[in-house]
Amino acid sequence: MNGNEVDKLTEKLQGVGIASASADGVVNDTVGTLALGHFHDGDTLAAVTIGTGTNAWYVERTDPIIKTQGLLTNSGGMALTFPTSLTKDSANI
């Protein structure tokens, strides 16, 4: 996601009469579930959504992740995903 999508969402919200609405970011349902769970209970470390596809996110410490070394972070953690999908061809339903 980049700022362009966030700006478009804010415009649409305001276009349907929600003048005070503004979007700061857009996340999928599983990331939202993880963020809300972690907000209410700091021990929450994972979230899973099961539907037409399965999406799971978890919180990982950033220090063992090479790509994050040198990045400024206040939390020392990062949300990571391992999305999967379940189809009729891949499993017996």
PDB file of N, CA and C in Angstrom:
ATOM      1  N   MET A   1       0.843  -1.179   0.000  1.00  0.00           N
ATOM      2  CA  MET A   1       0.000   0.000   0.000  1.00  0.00           C
ATOM      3  C   MET A   1       0.883   1.235   0.000  1.00  0.00           C
ATOM      4  N   ASN A   2       0.455   2.211  -0.720  1.00  0.00           N
ATOM      5  CA  ASN A   2       1.162   3.478  -0.648  1.00  0.00           C
ATOM      6  C   ASN A   2       0.167   4.591  -0.374  1.00  0.00           C
ATOM      7  N   GLY A   3       0.645   5.798  -0.236  1.00  0.00           N
ATOM      8  CA  GLY A   3      -0.206   6.922   0.100  1.00  0.00           C
ATOM      9  C   GLY A   3      -1.328   7.156  -0.888  1.00  0.00           C
ATOM     10  N   ASN A   4      -1.126   6.773  -2.141  1.00  0.00           N
ATOM     11  CA  ASN A   4      -2.150   6.995  -3.153  1.00  0.00           C
ATOM     12  C   ASN A   4      -3.453   6.276  -2.797  1.00  0.00           C
ATOM     13  N   GLU A   5      -3.382   5.013  -2.377  1.00  0.00           N
ATOM     14  CA  GLU A   5      -4.583   4.265  -1.994  1.00  0.00           C
ATOM     15  C   GLU A   5      -5.236   4.867  -0.756  1.00  0.00           C
ATOM     16  N   VAL A   6      -4.414   5.319   0.180  1.00  0.00           N
ATOM     17  CA  VAL A   6      -4.938   5.924   1.399  1.00  0.00           C
ATOM     18  C   VAL A   6      -5.677   7.218   1.057  1.00  0.00           C
ATOM     19  N   ASP A   7      -5.097   8.018   0.165  1.00  0.00           N
ATOM     20  CA  ASP A   7      -5.755   9.257  -0.261  1.00  0.00           C
ATOM     21  C   ASP A   7      -7.072   8.959  -0.975  1.00  0.00           C
ATOM     22  N   LYS A   8      -7.079   7.930  -1.824  1.00  0.00           N
ATOM     23  CA  LYS A   8      -8.307   7.554  -2.532  1.00  0.00           C
ATOM     24  C   LYS A   8      -9.397   7.117  -1.555  1.00  0.00           C
ATOM     25  N   LEU A   9      -9.028   6.356  -0.528  1.00  0.00           N
ATOM     26  CA  LEU A   9      -9.997   5.922   0.467  1.00  0.00           C
ATOM     27  C   LEU A   9     -10.585   7.115   1.219  1.00  0.00           C
ATOM     28  N   THR A  10      -9.733   8.055   1.610  1.00  0.00           N
ATOM     29  CA  THR A  10     -10.214   9.255   2.304  1.00  0.00           C
ATOM     30  C   THR A  10     -11.177  10.031   1.418  1.00  0.00           C
ATOM     31  N   GLU A  11     -10.843  10.190   0.135  1.00  0.00           N
ATOM     32  CA  GLU A  11     -11.722  10.894  -0.802  1.00  0.00           C
ATOM     33  C   GLU A  11     -13.073  10.200  -0.925  1.00  0.00           C
ATOM     34  N   LYS A  12     -13.064   8.868  -1.026  1.00  0.00           N
ATOM     35  CA  LYS A  12     -14.319   8.118  -1.151  1.00  0.00           C
ATOM     36  C   LYS A  12     -15.173   8.255   0.104  1.00  0.00           C
ATOM     37  N   LEU A  13     -14.544   8.155   1.268  1.00  0.00           N
ATOM     38  CA  LEU A  13     -15.281   8.305   2.524  1.00  0.00           C
ATOM     39  C   LEU A  13     -15.929   9.682   2.607  1.00  0.00           C
ATOM     40  N   GLN A  14     -15.176  10.702   2.255  1.00  0.00           N
ATOM     41  CA  GLN A  14     -15.708  12.058   2.294  1.00  0.00           C
ATOM     42  C   GLN A  14     -16.753  12.266   1.203  1.00  0.00           C
ATOM     43  N   GLY A  15     -16.594  11.563   0.066  1.00  0.00           N
ATOM     44  CA  GLY A  15     -17.541  11.668  -1.034  1.00  0.00           C
ATOM     45  C   GLY A  15     -18.915  11.095  -0.718  1.00  0.00           C
ATOM     46  N   VAL A  16     -18.981  10.174   0.239  1.00  0.00           N
ATOM     47  CA  VAL A  16     -20.280   9.606   0.619  1.00  0.00           C
ATOM     48  C   VAL A  16     -20.837  10.281   1.867  1.00  0.00           C
ATOM     49  N   GLY A  17     -20.276  11.429   2.219  1.00  0.00           N
ATOM     50  CA  GLY A  17     -20.839  12.213   3.304  1.00  0.00           C
ATOM     51  C   GLY A  17     -20.215  12.026   4.663  1.00  0.00           C
ATOM     52  N   ILE A  18     -19.111  11.325   4.725  1.00  0.00           N
ATOM     53  CA  ILE A  18     -18.427  11.170   6.011  1.00  0.00           C
ATOM     54  C   ILE A  18     -17.272  12.180   6.013  1.00  0.00           C
ATOM     55  N   ALA A  19     -17.631  13.444   6.193  1.00  0.00           N
ATOM     56  CA  ALA A  19     -16.691  14.546   6.024  1.00  0.00           C
ATOM     57  C   ALA A  19     -15.525  14.500   7.003  1.00  0.00           C
ATOM     58  N   SER A  20     -15.749  13.978   8.189  1.00  0.00           N
ATOM     59  CA  SER A  20     -14.690  13.973   9.200  1.00  0.00           C
ATOM     60  C   SER A  20     -13.762  12.772   9.075  1.00  0.00           C
ATOM     61  N   ALA A  21     -14.030  11.881   8.108  1.00  0.00           N
ATOM     62  CA  ALA A  21     -13.233  10.660   7.989  1.00  0.00           C
ATOM     63  C   ALA A  21     -11.917  10.928   7.270  1.00  0.00           C
ATOM     64  N   SER A  22     -10.895  10.266   7.736  1.00  0.00           N
ATOM     65  CA  SER A  22      -9.619  10.271   7.031  1.00  0.00           C
ATOM     66  C   SER A  22      -8.935   8.940   7.312  1.00  0.00           C
ATOM     67  N   ALA A  23      -8.171   8.492   6.353  1.00  0.00           N
ATOM     68  CA  ALA A  23      -7.450   7.223   6.499  1.00  0.00           C
ATOM     69  C   ALA A  23      -5.963   7.517   6.625  1.00  0.00           C
ATOM     70  N   ASP A  24      -5.317   6.844   7.564  1.00  0.00           N
ATOM     71  CA  ASP A  24      -3.875   6.965   7.725  1.00  0.00           C
ATOM     72  C   ASP A  24      -3.144   5.779   7.117  1.00  0.00           C
ATOM     73  N   GLY A  25      -3.863   4.679   6.932  1.00  0.00           N
ATOM     74  CA  GLY A  25      -3.274   3.481   6.372  1.00  0.00           C
ATOM     75  C   GLY A  25      -4.347   2.465   6.088  1.00  0.00           C
ATOM     76  N   VAL A  26      -3.996   1.467   5.313  1.00  0.00           N
ATOM     77  CA  VAL A  26      -4.931   0.409   4.963  1.00  0.00           C
ATOM     78  C   VAL A  26      -4.243  -0.924   5.250  1.00  0.00           C
ATOM     79  N   VAL A  27      -4.936  -1.807   5.976  1.00  0.00           N
ATOM     80  CA  VAL A  27      -4.400  -3.129   6.267  1.00  0.00           C
ATOM     81  C   VAL A  27      -5.468  -4.168   5.962  1.00  0.00           C
ATOM     82  N   ASN A  28      -5.057  -5.397   5.771  1.00  0.00           N
ATOM     83  CA  ASN A  28      -6.061  -6.437   5.544  1.00  0.00           C
ATOM     84  C   ASN A  28      -6.662  -6.885   6.878  1.00  0.00           C
ATOM     85  N   ASP A  29      -7.659  -7.737   6.811  1.00  0.00           N
ATOM     86  CA  ASP A  29      -8.393  -8.131   8.015  1.00  0.00           C
ATOM     87  C   ASP A  29      -7.521  -8.851   9.033  1.00  0.00           C
ATOM     88  N   THR A  30      -6.590  -9.646   8.594  1.00  0.00           N
ATOM     89  CA  THR A  30      -5.766 -10.394   9.540  1.00  0.00           C
ATOM     90  C   THR A  30      -4.782  -9.488  10.258  1.00  0.00           C
ATOM     91  N   VAL A  31      -4.195  -8.542   9.535  1.00  0.00           N
ATOM     92  CA  VAL A  31      -3.290  -7.581  10.177  1.00  0.00           C
ATOM     93  C   VAL A  31      -4.070  -6.736  11.177  1.00  0.00           C
ATOM     94  N   GLY A  32      -5.289  -6.343  10.809  1.00  0.00           N
ATOM     95  CA  GLY A  32      -6.137  -5.591  11.733  1.00  0.00           C
ATOM     96  C   GLY A  32      -6.447  -6.386  12.986  1.00  0.00           C
ATOM     97  N   THR A  33      -6.721  -7.670  12.824  1.00  0.00           N
ATOM     98  CA  THR A  33      -6.996  -8.538  13.976  1.00  0.00           C
ATOM     99  C   THR A  33      -5.769  -8.646  14.874  1.00  0.00           C
ATOM    100  N   LEU A  34      -4.605  -8.816  14.271  1.00  0.00           N
ATOM    101  CA  LEU A  34      -3.364  -8.897  15.041  1.00  0.00           C
ATOM    102  C   LEU A  34      -3.107  -7.587  15.778  1.00  0.00           C
ATOM    103  N   ALA A  35      -3.271  -6.457  15.097  1.00  0.00           N
ATOM    104  CA  ALA A  35      -3.019  -5.159  15.725  1.00  0.00           C
ATOM    105  C   ALA A  35      -3.983  -4.911  16.888  1.00  0.00           C
ATOM    106  N   LEU A  36      -5.265  -5.198  16.676  1.00  0.00           N
ATOM    107  CA  LEU A  36      -6.250  -4.994  17.739  1.00  0.00           C
ATOM    108  C   LEU A  36      -5.978  -5.922  18.926  1.00  0.00           C
ATOM    109  N   GLY A  37      -5.677  -7.180  18.629  1.00  0.00           N
ATOM    110  CA  GLY A  37      -5.369  -8.123  19.707  1.00  0.00           C
ATOM    111  C   GLY A  37      -4.147  -7.689  20.493  1.00  0.00           C
ATOM    112  N   HIS A  38      -3.106  -7.243  19.796  1.00  0.00           N
ATOM    113  CA  HIS A  38      -1.874  -6.812  20.461  1.00  0.00           C
ATOM    114  C   HIS A  38      -2.107  -5.525  21.247  1.00  0.00           C
ATOM    115  N   PHE A  39      -2.983  -4.659  20.747  1.00  0.00           N
ATOM    116  CA  PHE A  39      -3.319  -3.426  21.462  1.00  0.00           C
ATOM    117  C   PHE A  39      -3.987  -3.745  22.796  1.00  0.00           C
ATOM    118  N   HIS A  40      -4.919  -4.705  22.791  1.00  0.00           N
ATOM    119  CA  HIS A  40      -5.639  -5.054  24.014  1.00  0.00           C
ATOM    120  C   HIS A  40      -4.834  -5.965  24.932  1.00  0.00           C
ATOM    121  N   ASP A  41      -3.949  -6.773  24.369  1.00  0.00           N
ATOM    122  CA  ASP A  41      -3.137  -7.705  25.161  1.00  0.00           C
ATOM    123  C   ASP A  41      -1.773  -7.818  24.496  1.00  0.00           C
ATOM    124  N   GLY A  42      -0.775  -7.210  25.098  1.00  0.00           N
ATOM    125  CA  GLY A  42       0.566  -7.185  24.521  1.00  0.00           C
ATOM    126  C   GLY A  42       1.185  -8.554  24.300  1.00  0.00           C
ATOM    127  N   ASP A  43       0.590  -9.589  24.893  1.00  0.00           N
ATOM    128  CA  ASP A  43       1.097 -10.948  24.693  1.00  0.00           C
ATOM    129  C   ASP A  43       0.571 -11.580  23.404  1.00  0.00           C
ATOM    130  N   THR A  44      -0.364 -10.921  22.716  1.00  0.00           N
ATOM    131  CA  THR A  44      -0.891 -11.448  21.451  1.00  0.00           C
ATOM    132  C   THR A  44       0.211 -11.396  20.405  1.00  0.00           C
ATOM    133  N   LEU A  45       0.521 -12.547  19.809  1.00  0.00           N
ATOM    134  CA  LEU A  45       1.628 -12.626  18.866  1.00  0.00           C
ATOM    135  C   LEU A  45       1.233 -13.152  17.494  1.00  0.00           C
ATOM    136  N   ALA A  46      -0.021 -13.603  17.310  1.00  0.00           N
ATOM    137  CA  ALA A  46      -0.407 -14.165  16.015  1.00  0.00           C
ATOM    138  C   ALA A  46      -1.896 -13.969  15.785  1.00  0.00           C
ATOM    139  N   ALA A  47      -2.261 -13.944  14.492  1.00  0.00           N
ATOM    140  CA  ALA A  47      -3.663 -13.872  14.094  1.00  0.00           C
ATOM    141  C   ALA A  47      -3.825 -14.702  12.828  1.00  0.00           C
ATOM    142  N   VAL A  48      -4.959 -15.388  12.726  1.00  0.00           N
ATOM    143  CA  VAL A  48      -5.243 -16.230  11.561  1.00  0.00           C
ATOM    144  C   VAL A  48      -6.666 -15.950  11.102  1.00  0.00           C
ATOM    145  N   THR A  49      -6.836 -15.779   9.801  1.00  0.00           N
ATOM    146  CA  THR A  49      -8.160 -15.645   9.202  1.00  0.00           C
ATOM    147  C   THR A  49      -8.358 -16.821   8.270  1.00  0.00           C
ATOM    148  N   ILE A  50      -9.462 -17.526   8.438  1.00  0.00           N
ATOM    149  CA  ILE A  50      -9.762 -18.678   7.590  1.00  0.00           C
ATOM    150  C   ILE A  50     -11.038 -18.374   6.820  1.00  0.00           C
ATOM    151  N   GLY A  51     -10.950 -18.414   5.515  1.00  0.00           N
ATOM    152  CA  GLY A  51     -12.093 -18.146   4.643  1.00  0.00           C
ATOM    153  C   GLY A  51     -11.848 -18.846   3.325  1.00  0.00           C
ATOM    154  N   THR A  52     -11.999 -18.120   2.226  1.00  0.00           N
ATOM    155  CA  THR A  52     -11.683 -18.730   0.932  1.00  0.00           C
ATOM    156  C   THR A  52     -10.193 -18.965   0.816  1.00  0.00           C
ATOM    157  N   GLY A  53      -9.430 -18.224   1.564  1.00  0.00           N
ATOM    158  CA  GLY A  53      -7.993 -18.434   1.689  1.00  0.00           C
ATOM    159  C   GLY A  53      -7.660 -18.380   3.164  1.00  0.00           C
ATOM    160  N   THR A  54      -6.488 -18.790   3.509  1.00  0.00           N
ATOM    161  CA  THR A  54      -6.050 -18.722   4.895  1.00  0.00           C
ATOM    162  C   THR A  54      -4.903 -17.736   4.952  1.00  0.00           C
ATOM    163  N   ASN A  55      -4.960 -16.828   5.882  1.00  0.00           N
ATOM    164  CA  ASN A  55      -3.936 -15.813   6.005  1.00  0.00           C
ATOM    165  C   ASN A  55      -3.518 -15.767   7.465  1.00  0.00           C
ATOM    166  N   ALA A  56      -2.235 -15.829   7.703  1.00  0.00           N
ATOM    167  CA  ALA A  56      -1.729 -15.784   9.072  1.00  0.00           C
ATOM    168  C   ALA A  56      -0.595 -14.770   9.160  1.00  0.00           C
ATOM    169  N   TRP A  57      -0.606 -14.013  10.234  1.00  0.00           N
ATOM    170  CA  TRP A  57       0.437 -13.040  10.520  1.00  0.00           C
ATOM    171  C   TRP A  57       0.936 -13.307  11.927  1.00  0.00           C
ATOM    172  N   TYR A  58       2.205 -13.033  12.158  1.00  0.00           N
ATOM    173  CA  TYR A  58       2.757 -13.185  13.494  1.00  0.00           C
ATOM    174  C   TYR A  58       3.790 -12.095  13.745  1.00  0.00           C
ATOM    175  N   VAL A  59       4.068 -11.846  15.003  1.00  0.00           N
ATOM    176  CA  VAL A  59       5.055 -10.845  15.394  1.00  0.00           C
ATOM    177  C   VAL A  59       6.387 -11.550  15.626  1.00  0.00           C
ATOM    178  N   GLU A  60       7.421 -11.027  15.004  1.00  0.00           N
ATOM    179  CA  GLU A  60       8.772 -11.588  15.119  1.00  0.00           C
ATOM    180  C   GLU A  60       9.712 -10.486  15.602  1.00  0.00           C
ATOM    181  N   ARG A  61      10.678 -10.838  16.422  1.00  0.00           N
ATOM    182  CA  ARG A  61      11.711  -9.876  16.800  1.00  0.00           C
ATOM    183  C   ARG A  61      12.487  -9.484  15.543  1.00  0.00           C
ATOM    184  N   THR A  62      12.877  -8.216  15.440  1.00  0.00           N
ATOM    185  CA  THR A  62      13.579  -7.771  14.233  1.00  0.00           C
ATOM    186  C   THR A  62      15.074  -8.076  14.243  1.00  0.00           C
ATOM    187  N   ASP A  63      15.668  -8.286  15.403  1.00  0.00           N
ATOM    188  CA  ASP A  63      17.122  -8.468  15.441  1.00  0.00           C
ATOM    189  C   ASP A  63      17.628  -9.661  14.625  1.00  0.00           C
ATOM    190  N   PRO A  64      16.907 -10.802  14.487  1.00  0.00           N
ATOM    191  CA  PRO A  64      17.448 -11.873  13.652  1.00  0.00           C
ATOM    192  C   PRO A  64      17.132 -11.704  12.148  1.00  0.00           C
ATOM    193  N   ILE A  65      16.366 -10.678  11.774  1.00  0.00           N
ATOM    194  CA  ILE A  65      15.995 -10.474  10.373  1.00  0.00           C
ATOM    195  C   ILE A  65      17.029  -9.560   9.725  1.00  0.00           C
ATOM    196  N   ILE A  66      17.841 -10.092   8.843  1.00  0.00           N
ATOM    197  CA  ILE A  66      18.953  -9.352   8.254  1.00  0.00           C
ATOM    198  C   ILE A  66      18.480  -8.083   7.548  1.00  0.00           C
ATOM    199  N   LYS A  67      17.372  -8.158   6.811  1.00  0.00           N
ATOM    200  CA  LYS A  67      16.893  -6.999   6.047  1.00  0.00           C
ATOM    201  C   LYS A  67      16.472  -5.832   6.930  1.00  0.00           C
ATOM    202  N   THR A  68      16.208  -6.068   8.217  1.00  0.00           N
ATOM    203  CA  THR A  68      15.768  -4.982   9.099  1.00  0.00           C
ATOM    204  C   THR A  68      16.917  -4.358   9.881  1.00  0.00           C
ATOM    205  N   GLN A  69      18.099  -4.913   9.784  1.00  0.00           N
ATOM    206  CA  GLN A  69      19.226  -4.369  10.534  1.00  0.00           C
ATOM    207  C   GLN A  69      19.540  -2.971  10.036  1.00  0.00           C
ATOM    208  N   GLY A  70      19.633  -2.039  10.957  1.00  0.00           N
ATOM    209  CA  GLY A  70      19.899  -0.654  10.620  1.00  0.00           C
ATOM    210  C   GLY A  70      18.641   0.196  10.500  1.00  0.00           C
ATOM    211  N   LEU A  71      17.456  -0.436  10.482  1.00  0.00           N
ATOM    212  CA  LEU A  71      16.210   0.328  10.437  1.00  0.00           C
ATOM    213  C   LEU A  71      15.868   0.818  11.828  1.00  0.00           C
ATOM    214  N   LEU A  72      15.310   2.007  11.883  1.00  0.00           N
ATOM    215  CA  LEU A  72      14.877   2.541  13.174  1.00  0.00           C
ATOM    216  C   LEU A  72      13.531   1.944  13.529  1.00  0.00           C
ATOM    217  N   THR A  73      13.414   1.375  14.710  1.00  0.00           N
ATOM    218  CA  THR A  73      12.154   0.821  15.175  1.00  0.00           C
ATOM    219  C   THR A  73      12.037   1.058  16.676  1.00  0.00           C
ATOM    220  N   ASN A  74      10.841   1.379  17.104  1.00  0.00           N
ATOM    221  CA  ASN A  74      10.617   1.586  18.530  1.00  0.00           C
ATOM    222  C   ASN A  74      10.275   0.290  19.241  1.00  0.00           C
ATOM    223  N   SER A  75       9.667  -0.649  18.519  1.00  0.00           N
ATOM    224  CA  SER A  75       9.144  -1.845  19.164  1.00  0.00           C
ATOM    225  C   SER A  75      10.116  -3.014  19.167  1.00  0.00           C
ATOM    226  N   GLY A  76      10.998  -3.069  18.196  1.00  0.00           N
ATOM    227  CA  GLY A  76      11.874  -4.224  18.061  1.00  0.00           C
ATOM    228  C   GLY A  76      11.160  -5.417  17.468  1.00  0.00           C
ATOM    229  N   GLY A  77       9.922  -5.218  16.968  1.00  0.00           N
ATOM    230  CA  GLY A  77       9.158  -6.305  16.376  1.00  0.00           C
ATOM    231  C   GLY A  77       8.618  -5.929  15.016  1.00  0.00           C
ATOM    232  N   MET A  78       8.273  -6.943  14.245  1.00  0.00           N
ATOM    233  CA  MET A  78       7.730  -6.736  12.916  1.00  0.00           C
ATOM    234  C   MET A  78       6.664  -7.784  12.661  1.00  0.00           C
ATOM    235  N   ALA A  79       5.584  -7.396  11.977  1.00  0.00           N
ATOM    236  CA  ALA A  79       4.535  -8.348  11.611  1.00  0.00           C
ATOM    237  C   ALA A  79       4.931  -9.023  10.295  1.00  0.00           C
ATOM    238  N   LEU A  80       4.928 -10.337  10.295  1.00  0.00           N
ATOM    239  CA  LEU A  80       5.279 -11.128   9.110  1.00  0.00           C
ATOM    240  C   LEU A  80       4.105 -12.026   8.743  1.00  0.00           C
ATOM    241  N   THR A  81       4.022 -12.380   7.471  1.00  0.00           N
ATOM    242  CA  THR A  81       2.895 -13.184   7.000  1.00  0.00           C
ATOM    243  C   THR A  81       3.363 -14.458   6.320  1.00  0.00           C
ATOM    244  N   PHE A  82       2.492 -15.431   6.331  1.00  0.00           N
ATOM    245  CA  PHE A  82       2.662 -16.620   5.496  1.00  0.00           C
ATOM    246  C   PHE A  82       1.297 -16.994   4.943  1.00  0.00           C
ATOM    247  N   PRO A  83       0.852 -16.280   3.876  1.00  0.00           N
ATOM    248  CA  PRO A  83      -0.476 -16.549   3.308  1.00  0.00           C
ATOM    249  C   PRO A  83      -0.506 -17.880   2.569  1.00  0.00           C
ATOM    250  N   THR A  84      -1.633 -18.524   2.638  1.00  0.00           N
ATOM    251  CA  THR A  84      -1.848 -19.758   1.899  1.00  0.00           C
ATOM    252  C   THR A  84      -3.261 -19.723   1.338  1.00  0.00           C
ATOM    253  N   SER A  85      -3.557 -20.629   0.465  1.00  0.00           N
ATOM    254  CA  SER A  85      -4.934 -20.725  -0.007  1.00  0.00           C
ATOM    255  C   SER A  85      -5.321 -22.185  -0.057  1.00  0.00           C
ATOM    256  N   LEU A  86      -6.579 -22.424   0.112  1.00  0.00           N
ATOM    257  CA  LEU A  86      -7.104 -23.774   0.086  1.00  0.00           C
ATOM    258  C   LEU A  86      -8.048 -23.862  -1.102  1.00  0.00           C
ATOM    259  N   THR A  87      -7.740 -24.751  -1.995  1.00  0.00           N
ATOM    260  CA  THR A  87      -8.625 -24.928  -3.159  1.00  0.00           C
ATOM    261  C   THR A  87      -9.084 -26.364  -3.227  1.00  0.00           C
ATOM    262  N   LYS A  88     -10.100 -26.586  -4.007  1.00  0.00           N
ATOM    263  CA  LYS A  88     -10.651 -27.927  -4.184  1.00  0.00           C
ATOM    264  C   LYS A  88      -9.585 -28.881  -4.711  1.00  0.00           C
ATOM    265  N   ASP A  89      -8.664 -28.352  -5.535  1.00  0.00           N
ATOM    266  CA  ASP A  89      -7.629 -29.198  -6.108  1.00  0.00           C
ATOM    267  C   ASP A  89      -6.506 -29.526  -5.134  1.00  0.00           C
ATOM    268  N   SER A  90      -6.347 -28.712  -4.079  1.00  0.00           N
ATOM    269  CA  SER A  90      -5.222 -28.918  -3.187  1.00  0.00           C
ATOM    270  C   SER A  90      -5.574 -29.701  -1.921  1.00  0.00           C
ATOM    271  N   ALA A  91      -6.846 -29.937  -1.688  1.00  0.00           N
ATOM    272  CA  ALA A  91      -7.230 -30.654  -0.473  1.00  0.00           C
ATOM    273  C   ALA A  91      -8.590 -31.289  -0.663  1.00  0.00           C
ATOM    274  N   ASN A  92      -8.832 -32.290   0.130  1.00  0.00           N
ATOM    275  CA  ASN A  92     -10.171 -32.899   0.140  1.00  0.00           C
ATOM    276  C   ASN A  92     -11.066 -32.064   1.034  1.00  0.00           C
ATOM    277  N   ILE A  93     -12.123 -31.564   0.470  1.00  0.00           N
ATOM    278  CA  ILE A  93     -13.030 -30.698   1.239  1.00  0.00           C
ATOM    279  C   ILE A  93     -14.303 -31.455   1.504  1.00  0.00           C
TER     280      ILE A  93
END
